[in-house]
Amino acid sequence: MTSFWRPAYVAIGSNLNHPQARVHEAFERLAALPATRSVLRSRLYNTRPMGPQDQPYFVNAAAGLLTQLTARELLEVLLGIETAMGRNRKERWGPRVIDLDLVWMPGETIDEPGLTVPHPGVSTRNFVLYPLADIAPTLAIPGHGNVLELLHRAGDDGISVLEQHKSF
């Protein structure tokens, strides 16, 4: 843990066990993290699954946090939330109760086993970029560009707004 606060952006996704409710639960769990404040919530999006198409559509969102946790500590907490919510990591790109990805922490460029920041898929995945654009449209992702530019390149195929912003 550090003594200073810094922003962090988390992508949220679910396509099992009432996905809309699971995304809201993830928002609540993020808001309760130690040394962390939940500051921003995106709209919820209905999105086509990446990978195998024989699974339900996803509900995707993004959260903007302020945290004193390091990237590694935040990742460990996110993995703990996934486990507590019943995430089972059997199939890559398969159905899941919850998926929490640390997308970007400004000032943190990390490429270590189990942790890559910025997240390697952030620049091409519209199901990450649309929610991220709701909360940080001008955010610059090193080596890729800003969120709005990336969103326009990624396009809107297979994505639609499911739910508008809700207050904290």
N, C-alpha and C. Protein backbone atom coordinates (compact mmCIF):
# COMPACT_ATOMS: atom_id res chain seq x y z
N MET A 1 0.85 -1.17 0.00
CA MET A 1 0.00 0.00 0.00
C MET A 1 0.89 1.24 0.00
N THR A 2 0.44 2.27 -0.69
CA THR A 2 1.17 3.52 -0.75
C THR A 2 0.45 4.57 0.10
N SER A 3 1.11 5.68 0.35
CA SER A 3 0.49 6.74 1.16
C SER A 3 -0.28 7.73 0.30
N PHE A 4 -0.18 7.64 -1.01
CA PHE A 4 -0.88 8.58 -1.87
C PHE A 4 -2.00 7.88 -2.63
N TRP A 5 -2.98 8.69 -3.04
CA TRP A 5 -4.13 8.20 -3.78
C TRP A 5 -3.88 8.32 -5.27
N ARG A 6 -4.31 7.32 -6.02
CA ARG A 6 -4.19 7.39 -7.48
C ARG A 6 -5.37 6.70 -8.13
N PRO A 7 -5.68 7.10 -9.36
CA PRO A 7 -6.83 6.49 -10.04
C PRO A 7 -6.53 5.08 -10.54
N ALA A 8 -7.59 4.31 -10.64
CA ALA A 8 -7.53 2.97 -11.23
C ALA A 8 -8.85 2.73 -11.94
N TYR A 9 -8.79 2.00 -13.03
CA TYR A 9 -9.97 1.72 -13.84
C TYR A 9 -10.16 0.22 -13.95
N VAL A 10 -11.37 -0.23 -13.64
CA VAL A 10 -11.68 -1.66 -13.61
C VAL A 10 -12.82 -1.96 -14.57
N ALA A 11 -12.61 -2.95 -15.44
CA ALA A 11 -13.66 -3.44 -16.33
C ALA A 11 -14.41 -4.56 -15.61
N ILE A 12 -15.73 -4.57 -15.77
CA ILE A 12 -16.59 -5.53 -15.08
C ILE A 12 -17.44 -6.24 -16.13
N GLY A 13 -17.57 -7.56 -16.01
CA GLY A 13 -18.41 -8.30 -16.93
C GLY A 13 -19.03 -9.52 -16.28
N SER A 14 -20.21 -9.91 -16.74
CA SER A 14 -20.89 -11.11 -16.25
C SER A 14 -21.88 -11.59 -17.31
N ASN A 15 -22.02 -12.92 -17.43
CA ASN A 15 -23.08 -13.45 -18.29
C ASN A 15 -23.77 -14.67 -17.68
N LEU A 16 -23.63 -14.86 -16.37
CA LEU A 16 -24.28 -15.96 -15.67
C LEU A 16 -24.95 -15.46 -14.39
N ASN A 17 -25.98 -16.21 -13.94
CA ASN A 17 -26.57 -15.98 -12.63
C ASN A 17 -27.07 -14.54 -12.46
N HIS A 18 -27.93 -14.10 -13.35
CA HIS A 18 -28.49 -12.74 -13.33
C HIS A 18 -27.37 -11.70 -13.48
N PRO A 19 -26.78 -11.62 -14.66
CA PRO A 19 -25.58 -10.79 -14.87
C PRO A 19 -25.73 -9.32 -14.47
N GLN A 20 -26.88 -8.74 -14.71
CA GLN A 20 -27.06 -7.33 -14.34
C GLN A 20 -26.91 -7.17 -12.82
N ALA A 21 -27.49 -8.08 -12.07
CA ALA A 21 -27.38 -8.05 -10.61
C ALA A 21 -25.94 -8.30 -10.17
N ARG A 22 -25.24 -9.20 -10.87
CA ARG A 22 -23.85 -9.49 -10.52
C ARG A 22 -22.95 -8.26 -10.74
N VAL A 23 -23.20 -7.51 -11.81
CA VAL A 23 -22.42 -6.30 -12.07
C VAL A 23 -22.68 -5.27 -10.97
N HIS A 24 -23.93 -5.11 -10.57
CA HIS A 24 -24.25 -4.18 -9.47
C HIS A 24 -23.59 -4.64 -8.17
N GLU A 25 -23.59 -5.94 -7.94
CA GLU A 25 -22.91 -6.47 -6.75
C GLU A 25 -21.42 -6.16 -6.80
N ALA A 26 -20.81 -6.30 -7.96
CA ALA A 26 -19.39 -5.98 -8.10
C ALA A 26 -19.13 -4.51 -7.80
N PHE A 27 -19.99 -3.61 -8.29
CA PHE A 27 -19.86 -2.19 -7.96
C PHE A 27 -19.86 -1.99 -6.45
N GLU A 28 -20.78 -2.66 -5.77
CA GLU A 28 -20.89 -2.51 -4.31
C GLU A 28 -19.64 -3.06 -3.61
N ARG A 29 -19.16 -4.18 -4.08
CA ARG A 29 -17.96 -4.75 -3.47
C ARG A 29 -16.73 -3.86 -3.71
N LEU A 30 -16.64 -3.27 -4.89
CA LEU A 30 -15.54 -2.34 -5.16
C LEU A 30 -15.63 -1.12 -4.25
N ALA A 31 -16.84 -0.65 -3.99
CA ALA A 31 -17.03 0.52 -3.12
C ALA A 31 -16.62 0.23 -1.68
N ALA A 32 -16.58 -1.04 -1.30
CA ALA A 32 -16.25 -1.42 0.08
C ALA A 32 -14.78 -1.80 0.27
N LEU A 33 -13.96 -1.68 -0.77
CA LEU A 33 -12.55 -2.07 -0.66
C LEU A 33 -11.79 -1.19 0.32
N PRO A 34 -10.83 -1.77 1.03
CA PRO A 34 -10.01 -0.97 1.93
C PRO A 34 -9.09 -0.03 1.14
N ALA A 35 -8.83 1.13 1.70
CA ALA A 35 -7.92 2.12 1.11
C ALA A 35 -8.30 2.48 -0.32
N THR A 36 -9.59 2.40 -0.61
CA THR A 36 -10.08 2.64 -1.97
C THR A 36 -11.43 3.35 -1.90
N ARG A 37 -11.64 4.25 -2.83
CA ARG A 37 -12.93 4.93 -2.96
C ARG A 37 -13.46 4.69 -4.37
N SER A 38 -14.71 4.29 -4.46
CA SER A 38 -15.38 4.14 -5.75
C SER A 38 -15.89 5.52 -6.15
N VAL A 39 -15.43 6.02 -7.28
CA VAL A 39 -15.73 7.39 -7.68
C VAL A 39 -16.70 7.44 -8.87
N LEU A 40 -16.51 6.57 -9.84
CA LEU A 40 -17.29 6.63 -11.07
C LEU A 40 -17.84 5.25 -11.46
N ARG A 41 -19.06 5.26 -12.00
CA ARG A 41 -19.67 4.05 -12.53
C ARG A 41 -20.18 4.34 -13.93
N SER A 42 -19.90 3.45 -14.84
CA SER A 42 -20.41 3.60 -16.21
C SER A 42 -21.84 3.11 -16.30
N ARG A 43 -22.42 3.32 -17.47
CA ARG A 43 -23.68 2.66 -17.79
C ARG A 43 -23.39 1.17 -17.93
N LEU A 44 -24.44 0.37 -17.95
CA LEU A 44 -24.31 -1.06 -18.21
C LEU A 44 -24.60 -1.30 -19.68
N TYR A 45 -23.82 -2.20 -20.28
CA TYR A 45 -23.93 -2.52 -21.69
C TYR A 45 -24.23 -3.99 -21.87
N ASN A 46 -25.04 -4.30 -22.86
CA ASN A 46 -25.29 -5.66 -23.28
C ASN A 46 -24.34 -5.94 -24.45
N THR A 47 -23.52 -6.99 -24.35
CA THR A 47 -22.50 -7.21 -25.36
C THR A 47 -22.42 -8.68 -25.78
N ARG A 48 -22.08 -8.85 -27.05
CA ARG A 48 -21.87 -10.19 -27.59
C ARG A 48 -20.61 -10.77 -26.95
N PRO A 49 -20.62 -12.07 -26.63
CA PRO A 49 -19.44 -12.66 -26.01
C PRO A 49 -18.24 -12.69 -26.96
N MET A 50 -17.07 -12.56 -26.38
CA MET A 50 -15.84 -12.74 -27.13
C MET A 50 -15.49 -14.22 -27.03
N GLY A 51 -15.01 -14.81 -28.08
CA GLY A 51 -14.71 -16.23 -28.05
C GLY A 51 -15.94 -17.05 -28.41
N PRO A 52 -16.19 -18.16 -27.70
CA PRO A 52 -17.31 -19.03 -28.04
C PRO A 52 -18.63 -18.26 -28.03
N GLN A 53 -19.41 -18.41 -29.11
CA GLN A 53 -20.66 -17.68 -29.23
C GLN A 53 -21.87 -18.44 -28.68
N ASP A 54 -21.65 -19.68 -28.24
CA ASP A 54 -22.75 -20.48 -27.71
C ASP A 54 -22.90 -20.27 -26.20
N GLN A 55 -22.93 -19.01 -25.80
CA GLN A 55 -23.10 -18.63 -24.41
C GLN A 55 -23.94 -17.34 -24.38
N PRO A 56 -24.50 -17.02 -23.21
CA PRO A 56 -25.34 -15.81 -23.13
C PRO A 56 -24.52 -14.53 -23.39
N TYR A 57 -25.23 -13.50 -23.82
CA TYR A 57 -24.61 -12.17 -23.93
C TYR A 57 -24.12 -11.73 -22.56
N PHE A 58 -23.16 -10.81 -22.56
CA PHE A 58 -22.59 -10.28 -21.33
C PHE A 58 -23.24 -8.96 -20.96
N VAL A 59 -23.17 -8.65 -19.69
CA VAL A 59 -23.40 -7.31 -19.19
C VAL A 59 -22.03 -6.78 -18.80
N ASN A 60 -21.64 -5.64 -19.38
CA ASN A 60 -20.34 -5.05 -19.11
C ASN A 60 -20.47 -3.63 -18.58
N ALA A 61 -19.50 -3.24 -17.77
CA ALA A 61 -19.46 -1.90 -17.18
C ALA A 61 -18.02 -1.58 -16.82
N ALA A 62 -17.80 -0.38 -16.28
CA ALA A 62 -16.48 0.02 -15.80
C ALA A 62 -16.64 0.85 -14.54
N ALA A 63 -15.64 0.76 -13.68
CA ALA A 63 -15.60 1.54 -12.45
C ALA A 63 -14.33 2.35 -12.41
N GLY A 64 -14.44 3.58 -11.94
CA GLY A 64 -13.28 4.43 -11.71
C GLY A 64 -13.06 4.52 -10.21
N LEU A 65 -11.88 4.16 -9.77
CA LEU A 65 -11.55 4.13 -8.34
C LEU A 65 -10.43 5.12 -8.04
N LEU A 66 -10.35 5.54 -6.78
CA LEU A 66 -9.16 6.16 -6.23
C LEU A 66 -8.67 5.19 -5.17
N THR A 67 -7.39 4.86 -5.21
CA THR A 67 -6.89 3.84 -4.31
C THR A 67 -5.49 4.15 -3.81
N GLN A 68 -5.18 3.61 -2.65
CA GLN A 68 -3.83 3.65 -2.13
C GLN A 68 -3.14 2.30 -2.34
N LEU A 69 -3.86 1.35 -2.92
CA LEU A 69 -3.30 0.03 -3.18
C LEU A 69 -2.38 0.10 -4.40
N THR A 70 -1.37 -0.75 -4.41
CA THR A 70 -0.54 -0.89 -5.60
C THR A 70 -1.32 -1.69 -6.63
N ALA A 71 -0.85 -1.70 -7.85
CA ALA A 71 -1.52 -2.47 -8.89
C ALA A 71 -1.61 -3.95 -8.51
N ARG A 72 -0.55 -4.50 -7.99
CA ARG A 72 -0.54 -5.92 -7.60
C ARG A 72 -1.54 -6.16 -6.47
N GLU A 73 -1.58 -5.28 -5.47
CA GLU A 73 -2.52 -5.43 -4.37
C GLU A 73 -3.97 -5.32 -4.87
N LEU A 74 -4.21 -4.37 -5.75
CA LEU A 74 -5.56 -4.21 -6.29
C LEU A 74 -5.97 -5.44 -7.10
N LEU A 75 -5.06 -5.97 -7.91
CA LEU A 75 -5.36 -7.19 -8.66
C LEU A 75 -5.73 -8.33 -7.71
N GLU A 76 -4.98 -8.50 -6.64
CA GLU A 76 -5.27 -9.58 -5.68
C GLU A 76 -6.65 -9.40 -5.06
N VAL A 77 -7.02 -8.16 -4.75
CA VAL A 77 -8.34 -7.90 -4.19
C VAL A 77 -9.42 -8.20 -5.23
N LEU A 78 -9.20 -7.81 -6.49
CA LEU A 78 -10.17 -8.11 -7.56
C LEU A 78 -10.35 -9.61 -7.72
N LEU A 79 -9.26 -10.36 -7.70
CA LEU A 79 -9.35 -11.82 -7.81
C LEU A 79 -10.11 -12.40 -6.62
N GLY A 80 -9.92 -11.82 -5.44
CA GLY A 80 -10.65 -12.25 -4.25
C GLY A 80 -12.15 -12.02 -4.38
N ILE A 81 -12.53 -10.87 -4.95
CA ILE A 81 -13.95 -10.59 -5.19
C ILE A 81 -14.52 -11.61 -6.18
N GLU A 82 -13.77 -11.89 -7.25
CA GLU A 82 -14.24 -12.90 -8.21
C GLU A 82 -14.49 -14.24 -7.53
N THR A 83 -13.55 -14.67 -6.71
CA THR A 83 -13.69 -15.95 -6.01
C THR A 83 -14.90 -15.93 -5.08
N ALA A 84 -15.04 -14.85 -4.31
CA ALA A 84 -16.16 -14.73 -3.38
C ALA A 84 -17.51 -14.74 -4.10
N MET A 85 -17.53 -14.24 -5.33
CA MET A 85 -18.78 -14.20 -6.10
C MET A 85 -19.01 -15.48 -6.90
N GLY A 86 -18.09 -16.45 -6.80
CA GLY A 86 -18.30 -17.74 -7.44
C GLY A 86 -17.64 -17.92 -8.79
N ARG A 87 -16.66 -17.09 -9.11
CA ARG A 87 -15.96 -17.23 -10.40
C ARG A 87 -15.20 -18.54 -10.44
N ASN A 88 -15.35 -19.25 -11.54
CA ASN A 88 -14.64 -20.51 -11.77
C ASN A 88 -13.88 -20.36 -13.08
N ARG A 89 -12.58 -20.39 -13.04
CA ARG A 89 -11.75 -20.16 -14.23
C ARG A 89 -11.45 -21.48 -14.94
N LYS A 90 -12.47 -22.02 -15.64
CA LYS A 90 -12.27 -23.27 -16.36
C LYS A 90 -11.96 -23.04 -17.83
N GLU A 91 -12.70 -22.17 -18.47
CA GLU A 91 -12.62 -22.02 -19.92
C GLU A 91 -12.25 -20.58 -20.28
N ARG A 92 -11.20 -20.41 -21.06
CA ARG A 92 -10.83 -19.08 -21.52
C ARG A 92 -11.94 -18.52 -22.40
N TRP A 93 -12.35 -17.30 -22.11
CA TRP A 93 -13.41 -16.60 -22.82
C TRP A 93 -14.76 -17.32 -22.71
N GLY A 94 -14.89 -18.16 -21.71
CA GLY A 94 -16.15 -18.86 -21.50
C GLY A 94 -17.08 -18.06 -20.61
N PRO A 95 -18.26 -18.62 -20.33
CA PRO A 95 -19.22 -17.94 -19.47
C PRO A 95 -18.65 -17.74 -18.07
N ARG A 96 -19.10 -16.68 -17.41
CA ARG A 96 -18.61 -16.40 -16.06
C ARG A 96 -19.61 -15.61 -15.24
N VAL A 97 -19.60 -15.88 -13.95
CA VAL A 97 -20.44 -15.15 -13.02
C VAL A 97 -19.96 -13.71 -12.93
N ILE A 98 -18.65 -13.52 -12.88
CA ILE A 98 -18.08 -12.17 -12.79
C ILE A 98 -16.66 -12.19 -13.34
N ASP A 99 -16.30 -11.08 -13.95
CA ASP A 99 -14.94 -10.89 -14.44
C ASP A 99 -14.56 -9.45 -14.09
N LEU A 100 -13.48 -9.29 -13.36
CA LEU A 100 -12.98 -7.98 -12.97
C LEU A 100 -11.55 -7.85 -13.49
N ASP A 101 -11.33 -6.90 -14.38
CA ASP A 101 -10.00 -6.69 -14.95
C ASP A 101 -9.49 -5.30 -14.60
N LEU A 102 -8.28 -5.26 -14.08
CA LEU A 102 -7.60 -3.98 -13.87
C LEU A 102 -7.15 -3.51 -15.25
N VAL A 103 -7.80 -2.48 -15.75
CA VAL A 103 -7.55 -2.01 -17.11
C VAL A 103 -6.36 -1.07 -17.16
N TRP A 104 -6.32 -0.12 -16.21
CA TRP A 104 -5.26 0.88 -16.28
C TRP A 104 -5.16 1.63 -14.96
N MET A 105 -3.92 1.88 -14.53
CA MET A 105 -3.61 2.76 -13.41
C MET A 105 -2.58 3.75 -13.95
N PRO A 106 -2.96 4.99 -14.17
CA PRO A 106 -1.98 5.96 -14.68
C PRO A 106 -0.69 5.94 -13.87
N GLY A 107 0.42 5.93 -14.59
CA GLY A 107 1.73 5.87 -13.95
C GLY A 107 2.24 4.47 -13.73
N GLU A 108 1.43 3.46 -14.02
CA GLU A 108 1.81 2.06 -13.83
C GLU A 108 1.84 1.33 -15.17
N THR A 109 3.01 1.08 -15.70
CA THR A 109 3.14 0.21 -16.86
C THR A 109 3.85 -1.04 -16.37
N ILE A 110 3.12 -2.15 -16.36
CA ILE A 110 3.61 -3.38 -15.74
C ILE A 110 3.44 -4.53 -16.72
N ASP A 111 4.46 -5.36 -16.83
CA ASP A 111 4.37 -6.58 -17.61
C ASP A 111 5.07 -7.67 -16.82
N GLU A 112 4.32 -8.29 -15.92
CA GLU A 112 4.84 -9.34 -15.05
C GLU A 112 3.94 -10.57 -15.18
N PRO A 113 4.40 -11.71 -14.77
CA PRO A 113 3.52 -12.88 -14.78
C PRO A 113 2.24 -12.60 -13.99
N GLY A 114 1.11 -12.76 -14.63
CA GLY A 114 -0.18 -12.57 -13.97
C GLY A 114 -0.67 -11.14 -13.90
N LEU A 115 0.13 -10.16 -14.34
CA LEU A 115 -0.30 -8.75 -14.26
C LEU A 115 0.30 -7.95 -15.41
N THR A 116 -0.56 -7.47 -16.28
CA THR A 116 -0.16 -6.58 -17.36
C THR A 116 -1.03 -5.33 -17.29
N VAL A 117 -0.39 -4.18 -17.12
CA VAL A 117 -1.08 -2.89 -17.04
C VAL A 117 -0.37 -1.93 -17.96
N PRO A 118 -1.06 -1.32 -18.95
CA PRO A 118 -2.50 -1.45 -19.19
C PRO A 118 -2.86 -2.86 -19.67
N HIS A 119 -4.11 -3.22 -19.44
CA HIS A 119 -4.62 -4.54 -19.83
C HIS A 119 -4.39 -4.72 -21.33
N PRO A 120 -3.89 -5.88 -21.76
CA PRO A 120 -3.55 -6.06 -23.16
C PRO A 120 -4.71 -5.93 -24.15
N GLY A 121 -5.95 -6.14 -23.72
CA GLY A 121 -7.08 -6.05 -24.64
C GLY A 121 -7.78 -4.71 -24.65
N VAL A 122 -7.33 -3.77 -23.83
CA VAL A 122 -8.06 -2.51 -23.67
C VAL A 122 -8.21 -1.73 -24.97
N SER A 123 -7.26 -1.80 -25.85
CA SER A 123 -7.29 -0.94 -27.04
C SER A 123 -8.21 -1.44 -28.15
N THR A 124 -8.70 -2.67 -28.07
CA THR A 124 -9.49 -3.23 -29.17
C THR A 124 -10.87 -3.74 -28.77
N ARG A 125 -11.16 -3.83 -27.52
CA ARG A 125 -12.41 -4.45 -27.06
C ARG A 125 -13.47 -3.39 -26.78
N ASN A 126 -14.48 -3.34 -27.64
CA ASN A 126 -15.51 -2.32 -27.45
C ASN A 126 -16.28 -2.50 -26.15
N PHE A 127 -16.38 -3.73 -25.65
CA PHE A 127 -17.09 -3.97 -24.39
C PHE A 127 -16.32 -3.43 -23.18
N VAL A 128 -15.06 -3.09 -23.37
CA VAL A 128 -14.26 -2.39 -22.35
C VAL A 128 -14.28 -0.89 -22.64
N LEU A 129 -14.11 -0.52 -23.90
CA LEU A 129 -13.97 0.89 -24.27
C LEU A 129 -15.24 1.71 -24.09
N TYR A 130 -16.40 1.16 -24.43
CA TYR A 130 -17.64 1.94 -24.27
C TYR A 130 -17.89 2.29 -22.80
N PRO A 131 -17.85 1.33 -21.89
CA PRO A 131 -18.01 1.70 -20.48
C PRO A 131 -16.90 2.66 -19.99
N LEU A 132 -15.68 2.42 -20.42
CA LEU A 132 -14.57 3.29 -20.00
C LEU A 132 -14.78 4.71 -20.52
N ALA A 133 -15.32 4.84 -21.72
CA ALA A 133 -15.58 6.17 -22.29
C ALA A 133 -16.65 6.92 -21.48
N ASP A 134 -17.54 6.21 -20.83
CA ASP A 134 -18.54 6.87 -19.98
C ASP A 134 -17.88 7.60 -18.81
N ILE A 135 -16.82 7.02 -18.27
CA ILE A 135 -16.22 7.58 -17.05
C ILE A 135 -14.89 8.30 -17.28
N ALA A 136 -14.21 8.02 -18.40
CA ALA A 136 -12.89 8.63 -18.64
C ALA A 136 -12.61 8.73 -20.14
N PRO A 137 -13.40 9.51 -20.88
CA PRO A 137 -13.27 9.54 -22.34
C PRO A 137 -11.92 10.06 -22.85
N THR A 138 -11.27 10.91 -22.10
CA THR A 138 -9.99 11.47 -22.57
C THR A 138 -8.79 10.77 -21.96
N LEU A 139 -9.02 9.72 -21.20
CA LEU A 139 -7.94 8.98 -20.58
C LEU A 139 -6.99 8.45 -21.65
N ALA A 140 -5.70 8.71 -21.48
CA ALA A 140 -4.68 8.22 -22.42
C ALA A 140 -4.16 6.87 -21.96
N ILE A 141 -4.19 5.91 -22.86
CA ILE A 141 -3.64 4.58 -22.61
C ILE A 141 -2.29 4.52 -23.31
N PRO A 142 -1.19 4.45 -22.58
CA PRO A 142 0.15 4.50 -23.19
C PRO A 142 0.34 3.48 -24.31
N GLY A 143 0.87 3.96 -25.41
CA GLY A 143 1.14 3.10 -26.54
C GLY A 143 -0.06 2.83 -27.42
N HIS A 144 -1.24 3.35 -27.03
CA HIS A 144 -2.46 3.06 -27.78
C HIS A 144 -3.22 4.31 -28.22
N GLY A 145 -3.35 5.29 -27.36
CA GLY A 145 -4.13 6.49 -27.64
C GLY A 145 -5.13 6.75 -26.54
N ASN A 146 -6.00 7.76 -26.76
CA ASN A 146 -7.00 8.01 -25.71
C ASN A 146 -8.24 7.16 -25.96
N VAL A 147 -9.04 7.04 -24.93
CA VAL A 147 -10.18 6.12 -24.94
C VAL A 147 -11.15 6.40 -26.09
N LEU A 148 -11.48 7.67 -26.31
CA LEU A 148 -12.43 7.97 -27.39
C LEU A 148 -11.89 7.59 -28.77
N GLU A 149 -10.61 7.84 -29.01
CA GLU A 149 -10.01 7.44 -30.29
C GLU A 149 -10.08 5.93 -30.45
N LEU A 150 -9.74 5.20 -29.40
CA LEU A 150 -9.75 3.74 -29.44
C LEU A 150 -11.17 3.21 -29.65
N LEU A 151 -12.14 3.84 -29.00
CA LEU A 151 -13.53 3.43 -29.13
C LEU A 151 -14.00 3.56 -30.57
N HIS A 152 -13.66 4.66 -31.22
CA HIS A 152 -14.08 4.85 -32.62
C HIS A 152 -13.46 3.80 -33.53
N ARG A 153 -12.23 3.40 -33.24
CA ARG A 153 -11.59 2.34 -34.05
C ARG A 153 -12.23 0.98 -33.79
N ALA A 154 -12.63 0.73 -32.55
CA ALA A 154 -13.19 -0.58 -32.18
C ALA A 154 -14.59 -0.78 -32.75
N GLY A 155 -15.35 0.29 -32.90
CA GLY A 155 -16.70 0.18 -33.45
C GLY A 155 -17.73 -0.26 -32.43
N ASP A 156 -18.99 -0.34 -32.90
CA ASP A 156 -20.09 -0.64 -31.98
C ASP A 156 -20.79 -1.96 -32.29
N ASP A 157 -20.15 -2.83 -33.01
CA ASP A 157 -20.74 -4.11 -33.36
C ASP A 157 -20.97 -4.96 -32.10
N GLY A 158 -22.20 -5.42 -31.92
CA GLY A 158 -22.52 -6.35 -30.83
C GLY A 158 -22.63 -5.70 -29.47
N ILE A 159 -22.86 -4.38 -29.39
CA ILE A 159 -22.95 -3.71 -28.10
C ILE A 159 -24.13 -2.74 -28.09
N SER A 160 -24.84 -2.69 -26.97
CA SER A 160 -25.93 -1.73 -26.81
C SER A 160 -26.06 -1.36 -25.33
N VAL A 161 -26.59 -0.16 -25.09
CA VAL A 161 -26.79 0.29 -23.71
C VAL A 161 -27.92 -0.51 -23.10
N LEU A 162 -27.67 -1.04 -21.92
CA LEU A 162 -28.66 -1.83 -21.21
C LEU A 162 -29.30 -1.00 -20.10
N GLU A 163 -28.47 -0.19 -19.41
CA GLU A 163 -28.96 0.54 -18.26
C GLU A 163 -28.18 1.83 -18.10
N GLN A 164 -28.88 2.91 -17.85
CA GLN A 164 -28.23 4.20 -17.63
C GLN A 164 -27.54 4.22 -16.27
N HIS A 165 -26.81 5.30 -16.00
CA HIS A 165 -26.10 5.46 -14.73
C HIS A 165 -27.07 5.34 -13.56
N LYS A 166 -26.56 4.78 -12.48
CA LYS A 166 -27.30 4.77 -11.22
C LYS A 166 -26.46 5.51 -10.20
N SER A 167 -27.10 6.15 -9.28
CA SER A 167 -26.34 6.89 -8.26
C SER A 167 -25.75 5.91 -7.26
N PHE A 168 -24.76 6.38 -6.52
CA PHE A 168 -24.08 5.54 -5.53
C PHE A 168 -24.97 5.28 -4.36
